[in-house]
PDB file of N, CA and C in Angstrom:
ATOM      1  N   UNK A   1      68.999   4.379 135.229  1.00  0.00           N
ATOM      2  CA  UNK A   1      67.372   4.017 134.732  1.00  0.00           C
ATOM      3  C   UNK A   1      66.722   5.275 134.151  1.00  0.00           C
ATOM      4  N   UNK A   2      67.001   6.277 134.606  1.00  0.00           N
ATOM      5  CA  UNK A   2      66.314   7.444 134.276  1.00  0.00           C
ATOM      6  C   UNK A   2      66.728   7.845 132.730  1.00  0.00           C
ATOM      7  N   UNK A   3      67.914   7.359 132.304  1.00  0.00           N
ATOM      8  CA  UNK A   3      68.306   7.803 130.873  1.00  0.00           C
ATOM      9  C   UNK A   3      67.633   6.875 130.140  1.00  0.00           C
ATOM     10  N   UNK A   4      67.216   5.429 130.539  1.00  0.00           N
ATOM     11  CA  UNK A   4      66.791   4.545 129.736  1.00  0.00           C
ATOM     12  C   UNK A   4      65.215   4.845 129.646  1.00  0.00           C
ATOM     13  N   UNK A   5      64.748   5.608 130.648  1.00  0.00           N
ATOM     14  CA  UNK A   5      63.213   5.737 130.559  1.00  0.00           C
ATOM     15  C   UNK A   5      62.938   6.967 129.643  1.00  0.00           C
ATOM     16  N   UNK A   6      64.131   7.945 129.533  1.00  0.00           N
ATOM     17  CA  UNK A   6      63.835   8.955 128.808  1.00  0.00           C
ATOM     18  C   UNK A   6      63.892   8.523 127.372  1.00  0.00           C
ATOM     19  N   UNK A   7      64.987   7.631 127.044  1.00  0.00           N
ATOM     20  CA  UNK A   7      65.140   7.030 125.863  1.00  0.00           C
ATOM     21  C   UNK A   7      63.800   6.305 125.361  1.00  0.00           C
ATOM     22  N   UNK A   8      63.152   5.614 125.960  1.00  0.00           N
ATOM     23  CA  UNK A   8      62.094   4.884 125.814  1.00  0.00           C
ATOM     24  C   UNK A   8      60.723   6.026 125.521  1.00  0.00           C
ATOM     25  N   UNK A   9      60.572   6.919 126.202  1.00  0.00           N
ATOM     26  CA  UNK A   9      59.622   8.010 126.012  1.00  0.00           C
ATOM     27  C   UNK A   9      59.995   8.751 124.540  1.00  0.00           C
ATOM     28  N   UNK A  10      61.190   9.007 124.400  1.00  0.00           N
ATOM     29  CA  UNK A  10      61.521   9.658 123.033  1.00  0.00           C
ATOM     30  C   UNK A  10      61.134   8.721 121.960  1.00  0.00           C
ATOM     31  N   UNK A  11      61.576   7.431 122.125  1.00  0.00           N
ATOM     32  CA  UNK A  11      61.149   6.460 121.013  1.00  0.00           C
ATOM     33  C   UNK A  11      59.787   6.204 121.013  1.00  0.00           C
ATOM     34  N   UNK A  12      58.890   6.175 122.033  1.00  0.00           N
ATOM     35  CA  UNK A  12      57.431   5.996 121.950  1.00  0.00           C
ATOM     36  C   UNK A  12      56.775   7.173 121.206  1.00  0.00           C
ATOM     37  N   UNK A  13      57.188   8.396 121.614  1.00  0.00           N
ATOM     38  CA  UNK A  13      56.653   9.580 120.904  1.00  0.00           C
ATOM     39  C   UNK A  13      57.006   9.621 119.475  1.00  0.00           C
ATOM     40  N   UNK A  14      58.112   9.280 119.142  1.00  0.00           N
ATOM     41  CA  UNK A  14      58.601   9.165 117.513  1.00  0.00           C
ATOM     42  C   UNK A  14      57.817   8.181 116.724  1.00  0.00           C
ATOM     43  N   UNK A  15      58.030   7.008 117.473  1.00  0.00           N
ATOM     44  CA  UNK A  15      57.472   5.728 116.530  1.00  0.00           C
ATOM     45  C   UNK A  15      55.919   5.444 116.991  1.00  0.00           C
ATOM     46  N   UNK A  16      55.529   6.049 117.827  1.00  0.00           N
ATOM     47  CA  UNK A  16      53.899   5.657 118.182  1.00  0.00           C
ATOM     48  C   UNK A  16      52.853   6.185 117.433  1.00  0.00           C
ATOM     49  N   UNK A  17      53.333   7.219 116.561  1.00  0.00           N
ATOM     50  CA  UNK A  17      52.259   7.846 115.707  1.00  0.00           C
ATOM     51  C   UNK A  17      51.680   7.063 114.681  1.00  0.00           C
ATOM     52  N   UNK A  18      50.406   7.101 114.423  1.00  0.00           N
ATOM     53  CA  UNK A  18      49.714   6.329 113.182  1.00  0.00           C
ATOM     54  C   UNK A  18      50.352   6.408 112.111  1.00  0.00           C
ATOM     55  N   UNK A  19      50.894   7.598 111.514  1.00  0.00           N
ATOM     56  CA  UNK A  19      51.587   7.975 110.314  1.00  0.00           C
ATOM     57  C   UNK A  19      52.910   7.123 110.282  1.00  0.00           C
ATOM     58  N   UNK A  20      53.504   7.180 111.397  1.00  0.00           N
ATOM     59  CA  UNK A  20      54.868   6.170 111.498  1.00  0.00           C
ATOM     60  C   UNK A  20      54.545   4.857 110.998  1.00  0.00           C
ATOM     61  N   UNK A  21      53.842   4.215 111.918  1.00  0.00           N
ATOM     62  CA  UNK A  21      53.252   2.844 111.550  1.00  0.00           C
ATOM     63  C   UNK A  21      52.762   2.559 110.320  1.00  0.00           C
ATOM     64  N   UNK A  22      51.947   3.487 109.636  1.00  0.00           N
ATOM     65  CA  UNK A  22      51.404   3.431 108.294  1.00  0.00           C
ATOM     66  C   UNK A  22      52.478   3.215 107.269  1.00  0.00           C
ATOM     67  N   UNK A  23      53.629   4.057 107.581  1.00  0.00           N
ATOM     68  CA  UNK A  23      54.660   4.209 106.638  1.00  0.00           C
ATOM     69  C   UNK A  23      55.563   2.878 106.552  1.00  0.00           C
ATOM     70  N   UNK A  24      55.367   2.133 107.623  1.00  0.00           N
ATOM     71  CA  UNK A  24      56.100   0.875 107.786  1.00  0.00           C
ATOM     72  C   UNK A  24      55.209  -0.183 107.495  1.00  0.00           C
ATOM     73  N   UNK A  25      54.192   0.103 106.889  1.00  0.00           N
ATOM     74  CA  UNK A  25      52.979  -1.082 106.266  1.00  0.00           C
ATOM     75  C   UNK A  25      52.629  -1.739 107.442  1.00  0.00           C
ATOM     76  N   UNK A  26      52.505  -1.407 108.665  1.00  0.00           N
ATOM     77  CA  UNK A  26      51.955  -2.200 109.677  1.00  0.00           C
ATOM     78  C   UNK A  26      50.373  -2.296 109.608  1.00  0.00           C
ATOM     79  N   UNK A  27      49.843  -1.457 108.976  1.00  0.00           N
ATOM     80  CA  UNK A  27      48.414  -1.380 108.819  1.00  0.00           C
ATOM     81  C   UNK A  27      47.932  -0.826 107.625  1.00  0.00           C
ATOM     82  N   UNK A  28      46.747  -0.820 107.069  1.00  0.00           N
ATOM     83  CA  UNK A  28      46.334  -0.258 105.789  1.00  0.00           C
ATOM     84  C   UNK A  28      46.321   1.114 105.619  1.00  0.00           C
ATOM     85  N   UNK A  29      46.390   1.796 106.695  1.00  0.00           N
ATOM     86  CA  UNK A  29      46.226   3.286 106.698  1.00  0.00           C
ATOM     87  C   UNK A  29      45.283   3.828 107.824  1.00  0.00           C
ATOM     88  N   UNK A  30      45.282   5.169 107.842  1.00  0.00           N
ATOM     89  CA  UNK A  30      44.596   6.030 108.840  1.00  0.00           C
ATOM     90  C   UNK A  30      43.204   6.455 108.457  1.00  0.00           C
ATOM     91  N   UNK A  31      42.168   6.291 109.161  1.00  0.00           N
ATOM     92  CA  UNK A  31      41.049   6.825 108.966  1.00  0.00           C
ATOM     93  C   UNK A  31      40.735   7.935 109.669  1.00  0.00           C
ATOM     94  N   UNK A  32      40.314   9.108 109.241  1.00  0.00           N
ATOM     95  CA  UNK A  32      40.005  10.409 109.648  1.00  0.00           C
ATOM     96  C   UNK A  32      38.501  10.155 110.341  1.00  0.00           C
ATOM     97  N   UNK A  33      38.504  10.683 111.490  1.00  0.00           N
ATOM     98  CA  UNK A  33      37.177  10.693 112.176  1.00  0.00           C
ATOM     99  C   UNK A  33      35.890  11.214 111.071  1.00  0.00           C
ATOM    100  N   UNK A  34      36.356  12.047 110.400  1.00  0.00           N
ATOM    101  CA  UNK A  34      35.188  12.484 109.451  1.00  0.00           C
ATOM    102  C   UNK A  34      34.826  11.367 108.356  1.00  0.00           C
ATOM    103  N   UNK A  35      35.728  10.508 107.934  1.00  0.00           N
ATOM    104  CA  UNK A  35      35.421   9.543 107.055  1.00  0.00           C
ATOM    105  C   UNK A  35      34.872   8.101 107.694  1.00  0.00           C
ATOM    106  N   UNK A  36      35.235   8.067 109.068  1.00  0.00           N
ATOM    107  CA  UNK A  36      34.742   6.690 109.606  1.00  0.00           C
ATOM    108  C   UNK A  36      33.417   6.322 109.457  1.00  0.00           C
ATOM    109  N   UNK A  37      32.365   7.077 109.438  1.00  0.00           N
ATOM    110  CA  UNK A  37      30.954   6.719 109.273  1.00  0.00           C
ATOM    111  C   UNK A  37      30.806   6.001 107.811  1.00  0.00           C
ATOM    112  N   UNK A  38      31.479   6.724 106.876  1.00  0.00           N
ATOM    113  CA  UNK A  38      31.166   6.317 105.563  1.00  0.00           C
ATOM    114  C   UNK A  38      31.963   4.989 105.217  1.00  0.00           C
ATOM    115  N   UNK A  39      33.170   4.928 105.983  1.00  0.00           N
ATOM    116  CA  UNK A  39      33.856   3.581 105.744  1.00  0.00           C
ATOM    117  C   UNK A  39      33.293   2.560 106.600  1.00  0.00           C
ATOM    118  N   UNK A  40      32.643   2.845 107.469  1.00  0.00           N
ATOM    119  CA  UNK A  40      31.698   1.530 108.383  1.00  0.00           C
ATOM    120  C   UNK A  40      30.628   1.183 107.658  1.00  0.00           C
ATOM    121  N   UNK A  41      29.895   2.260 106.793  1.00  0.00           N
ATOM    122  CA  UNK A  41      28.736   1.970 106.418  1.00  0.00           C
ATOM    123  C   UNK A  41      28.791   1.018 105.043  1.00  0.00           C
ATOM    124  N   UNK A  42      30.070   1.484 104.394  1.00  0.00           N
ATOM    125  CA  UNK A  42      30.615   0.704 103.023  1.00  0.00           C
ATOM    126  C   UNK A  42      30.973  -0.709 103.472  1.00  0.00           C
ATOM    127  N   UNK A  43      31.708  -0.995 104.759  1.00  0.00           N
ATOM    128  CA  UNK A  43      32.124  -2.199 105.192  1.00  0.00           C
ATOM    129  C   UNK A  43      31.003  -3.148 105.477  1.00  0.00           C
ATOM    130  N   UNK A  44      29.819  -2.507 106.205  1.00  0.00           N
ATOM    131  CA  UNK A  44      28.635  -3.253 106.594  1.00  0.00           C
ATOM    132  C   UNK A  44      27.826  -3.501 105.257  1.00  0.00           C
ATOM    133  N   UNK A  45      27.974  -2.780 104.164  1.00  0.00           N
ATOM    134  CA  UNK A  45      27.144  -3.095 103.050  1.00  0.00           C
ATOM    135  C   UNK A  45      27.791  -4.198 102.332  1.00  0.00           C
ATOM    136  N   UNK A  46      28.864  -4.145 102.158  1.00  0.00           N
ATOM    137  CA  UNK A  46      29.939  -5.389 101.761  1.00  0.00           C
ATOM    138  C   UNK A  46      29.454  -6.624 102.439  1.00  0.00           C
ATOM    139  N   UNK A  47      29.533  -6.660 103.690  1.00  0.00           N
ATOM    140  CA  UNK A  47      29.473  -7.753 104.495  1.00  0.00           C
ATOM    141  C   UNK A  47      28.009  -8.467 104.305  1.00  0.00           C
ATOM    142  N   UNK A  48      26.991  -7.617 104.226  1.00  0.00           N
ATOM    143  CA  UNK A  48      25.696  -8.108 104.060  1.00  0.00           C
ATOM    144  C   UNK A  48      25.141  -8.655 102.626  1.00  0.00           C
ATOM    145  N   UNK A  49      26.213  -8.070 101.626  1.00  0.00           N
ATOM    146  CA  UNK A  49      26.029  -8.765 100.444  1.00  0.00           C
ATOM    147  C   UNK A  49      26.636 -10.164 100.202  1.00  0.00           C
ATOM    148  N   UNK A  50      27.591 -10.253 101.051  1.00  0.00           N
ATOM    149  CA  UNK A  50      28.189 -11.669 101.020  1.00  0.00           C
ATOM    150  C   UNK A  50      27.331 -12.782 101.674  1.00  0.00           C
ATOM    151  N   UNK A  51      27.123 -13.948 100.998  1.00  0.00           N
ATOM    152  CA  UNK A  51      26.286 -14.911 101.526  1.00  0.00           C
ATOM    153  C   UNK A  51      27.137 -15.666 102.651  1.00  0.00           C
ATOM    154  N   UNK A  52      26.514 -16.009 103.807  1.00  0.00           N
ATOM    155  CA  UNK A  52      26.911 -16.638 104.799  1.00  0.00           C
ATOM    156  C   UNK A  52      26.753 -18.184 104.481  1.00  0.00           C
ATOM    157  N   UNK A  53      27.961 -18.822 104.696  1.00  0.00           N
ATOM    158  CA  UNK A  53      28.232 -20.353 104.183  1.00  0.00           C
ATOM    159  C   UNK A  53      27.870 -21.176 105.721  1.00  0.00           C
ATOM    160  N   UNK A  54      27.678 -22.481 105.297  1.00  0.00           N
ATOM    161  CA  UNK A  54      27.448 -23.106 106.438  1.00  0.00           C
ATOM    162  C   UNK A  54      28.627 -23.622 107.352  1.00  0.00           C
ATOM    163  N   UNK A  55      28.648 -23.522 108.393  1.00  0.00           N
ATOM    164  CA  UNK A  55      29.677 -23.393 109.280  1.00  0.00           C
ATOM    165  C   UNK A  55      30.257 -24.872 109.791  1.00  0.00           C
ATOM    166  N   UNK A  56      31.348 -25.373 109.735  1.00  0.00           N
ATOM    167  CA  UNK A  56      31.829 -26.545 110.278  1.00  0.00           C
ATOM    168  C   UNK A  56      32.206 -26.310 111.673  1.00  0.00           C
ATOM    169  N   UNK A  57      31.950 -25.283 112.463  1.00  0.00           N
ATOM    170  CA  UNK A  57      32.454 -25.024 113.912  1.00  0.00           C
ATOM    171  C   UNK A  57      31.453 -25.273 114.733  1.00  0.00           C
ATOM    172  N   UNK A  58      30.074 -25.483 114.183  1.00  0.00           N
ATOM    173  CA  UNK A  58      29.149 -25.664 115.182  1.00  0.00           C
ATOM    174  C   UNK A  58      28.607 -24.487 115.822  1.00  0.00           C
ATOM    175  N   UNK A  59      28.338 -24.310 117.045  1.00  0.00           N
ATOM    176  CA  UNK A  59      27.814 -23.088 117.745  1.00  0.00           C
ATOM    177  C   UNK A  59      28.988 -22.330 118.384  1.00  0.00           C
ATOM    178  N   UNK A  60      29.303 -21.345 117.784  1.00  0.00           N
ATOM    179  CA  UNK A  60      30.731 -20.789 118.326  1.00  0.00           C
ATOM    180  C   UNK A  60      30.137 -19.448 118.979  1.00  0.00           C
ATOM    181  N   UNK A  61      30.464 -19.225 120.237  1.00  0.00           N
ATOM    182  CA  UNK A  61      29.820 -18.171 121.021  1.00  0.00           C
ATOM    183  C   UNK A  61      31.008 -17.412 121.555  1.00  0.00           C
ATOM    184  N   UNK A  62      30.951 -15.960 121.681  1.00  0.00           N
ATOM    185  CA  UNK A  62      31.807 -15.352 122.313  1.00  0.00           C
ATOM    186  C   UNK A  62      31.429 -14.713 123.618  1.00  0.00           C
TER     187      UNK A  62
END
């Protein structure tokens, strides 16, 4: 059992890095902390310019 745990730890350490998953195209990329504010501001700006259509779902609350 210890051999299996060690193997899983090694695999997690090598495959759990964001750059590894990015290279496999599991997500669009990694945003650095220094870029996060600019990216969020741009996303909100784009979202506010898009008109909100009438919903067929009624009152959907989370």
